[in-house]
Amino acid sequence: MLALILAAQTVANVGPMGLPAIAPLIRQDLGLSLTQAGSFISAYYVGSILMSLPAGWLADRWGILRMMVAGEAVITLGLAAAGWAGPSRP
């Protein structure tokens, strides 16, 4: 069980931990200033901030394991959708 949780967290953190590494490429591609690029990257974490309290309430109500599995599934779907997204501009 511990190995499964570790693997899930590792996969889930590929997105957030990899984003700063490609920030210069994002900045160049979208023509952003340093301030705009910082705001763009920070926006990635807004979902986590907004969902922390509701997720804790759901974990208390339905159990930690169920919510961890559901959370990892949502993250996986989001990262997969981002990977399949087309170009941001024509």
Protein backbone atom coordinates (compact mmCIF):
# COMPACT_ATOMS: atom_id res chain seq x y z
CA MET A 1 0.00 0.00 0.00
CA LEU A 2 2.81 2.39 0.87
CA ALA A 3 4.51 1.68 -2.46
CA LEU A 4 1.26 2.44 -4.32
CA ILE A 5 0.83 5.76 -2.52
CA LEU A 6 4.48 6.66 -3.16
CA ALA A 7 4.12 5.85 -6.85
CA ALA A 8 0.89 7.86 -7.12
CA GLN A 9 2.44 10.90 -5.42
CA THR A 10 5.49 10.68 -7.66
CA VAL A 11 3.34 10.65 -10.79
CA ALA A 12 1.10 13.42 -9.45
CA ASN A 13 4.08 15.69 -8.73
CA VAL A 14 5.58 15.40 -12.20
CA GLY A 15 3.34 18.25 -13.39
CA PRO A 16 3.82 20.79 -10.61
CA MET A 17 7.51 20.10 -10.13
CA GLY A 18 8.22 20.10 -13.87
CA LEU A 19 6.43 23.37 -14.59
CA PRO A 20 9.14 25.70 -13.22
CA ALA A 21 11.75 23.80 -15.23
CA ILE A 22 10.02 24.66 -18.49
CA ALA A 23 9.06 28.21 -17.45
CA PRO A 24 11.60 29.83 -19.80
CA LEU A 25 10.14 27.91 -22.73
CA ILE A 26 6.59 28.89 -21.77
CA ARG A 27 7.69 32.50 -21.33
CA GLN A 28 9.36 32.59 -24.74
CA ASP A 29 6.52 30.80 -26.54
CA LEU A 30 3.81 33.06 -25.14
CA GLY A 31 5.91 36.25 -25.11
CA LEU A 32 5.44 36.82 -21.37
CA SER A 33 7.38 39.14 -19.08
CA LEU A 34 8.98 37.68 -15.94
CA THR A 35 6.06 38.95 -13.85
CA GLN A 36 3.48 37.47 -16.19
CA ALA A 37 5.32 34.14 -16.32
CA GLY A 38 5.49 34.03 -12.51
CA SER A 39 1.77 34.74 -12.26
CA PHE A 40 1.05 32.10 -14.90
CA ILE A 41 3.02 29.45 -13.02
CA SER A 42 1.53 30.49 -9.66
CA ALA A 43 -1.98 30.08 -11.09
CA TYR A 44 -1.32 26.34 -11.32
CA TYR A 45 -1.47 26.14 -7.53
CA VAL A 46 -4.75 28.04 -7.08
CA GLY A 47 -6.75 24.82 -7.45
CA SER A 48 -4.85 23.20 -4.61
CA ILE A 49 -5.36 26.20 -2.38
CA LEU A 50 -9.09 26.38 -3.09
CA MET A 51 -9.70 22.64 -2.70
CA SER A 52 -7.69 21.97 0.48
CA LEU A 53 -10.52 22.53 2.94
CA PRO A 54 -13.24 20.81 0.89
CA ALA A 55 -10.89 17.86 0.32
CA GLY A 56 -10.28 17.56 4.06
CA TRP A 57 -14.02 17.58 4.71
CA LEU A 58 -14.58 14.91 2.05
CA ALA A 59 -11.76 12.79 3.50
CA ASP A 60 -13.39 12.99 6.93
CA ARG A 61 -16.73 12.02 5.47
CA TRP A 62 -15.79 9.29 2.96
CA GLY A 63 -12.36 8.19 4.14
CA ILE A 64 -8.81 9.16 3.38
CA LEU A 65 -8.03 6.26 1.06
CA ARG A 66 -11.05 6.88 -1.18
CA MET A 67 -10.26 10.55 -1.46
CA MET A 68 -6.58 9.94 -2.16
CA VAL A 69 -7.47 7.56 -4.97
CA ALA A 70 -10.06 9.99 -6.34
CA GLY A 71 -7.62 12.90 -6.10
CA GLU A 72 -4.88 11.02 -7.89
CA ALA A 73 -7.36 10.04 -10.61
CA VAL A 74 -8.37 13.68 -11.12
CA ILE A 75 -4.73 14.76 -11.29
CA THR A 76 -3.93 11.99 -13.75
CA LEU A 77 -6.85 12.95 -15.99
CA GLY A 78 -5.85 16.61 -15.87
CA LEU A 79 -2.24 15.89 -16.79
CA ALA A 80 -3.35 13.57 -19.59
CA ALA A 81 -5.70 16.24 -20.95
CA ALA A 82 -2.90 18.82 -20.83
CA GLY A 83 -0.65 16.43 -22.71
CA TRP A 84 -3.22 15.95 -25.47
CA ALA A 85 -4.08 19.63 -25.76
CA GLY A 86 -3.35 21.24 -29.06
CA PRO A 87 -1.26 24.35 -29.62
CA SER A 88 -2.22 27.43 -27.61
CA ARG A 89 -2.15 29.65 -30.67
CA PRO A 90 -2.84 29.04 -34.38
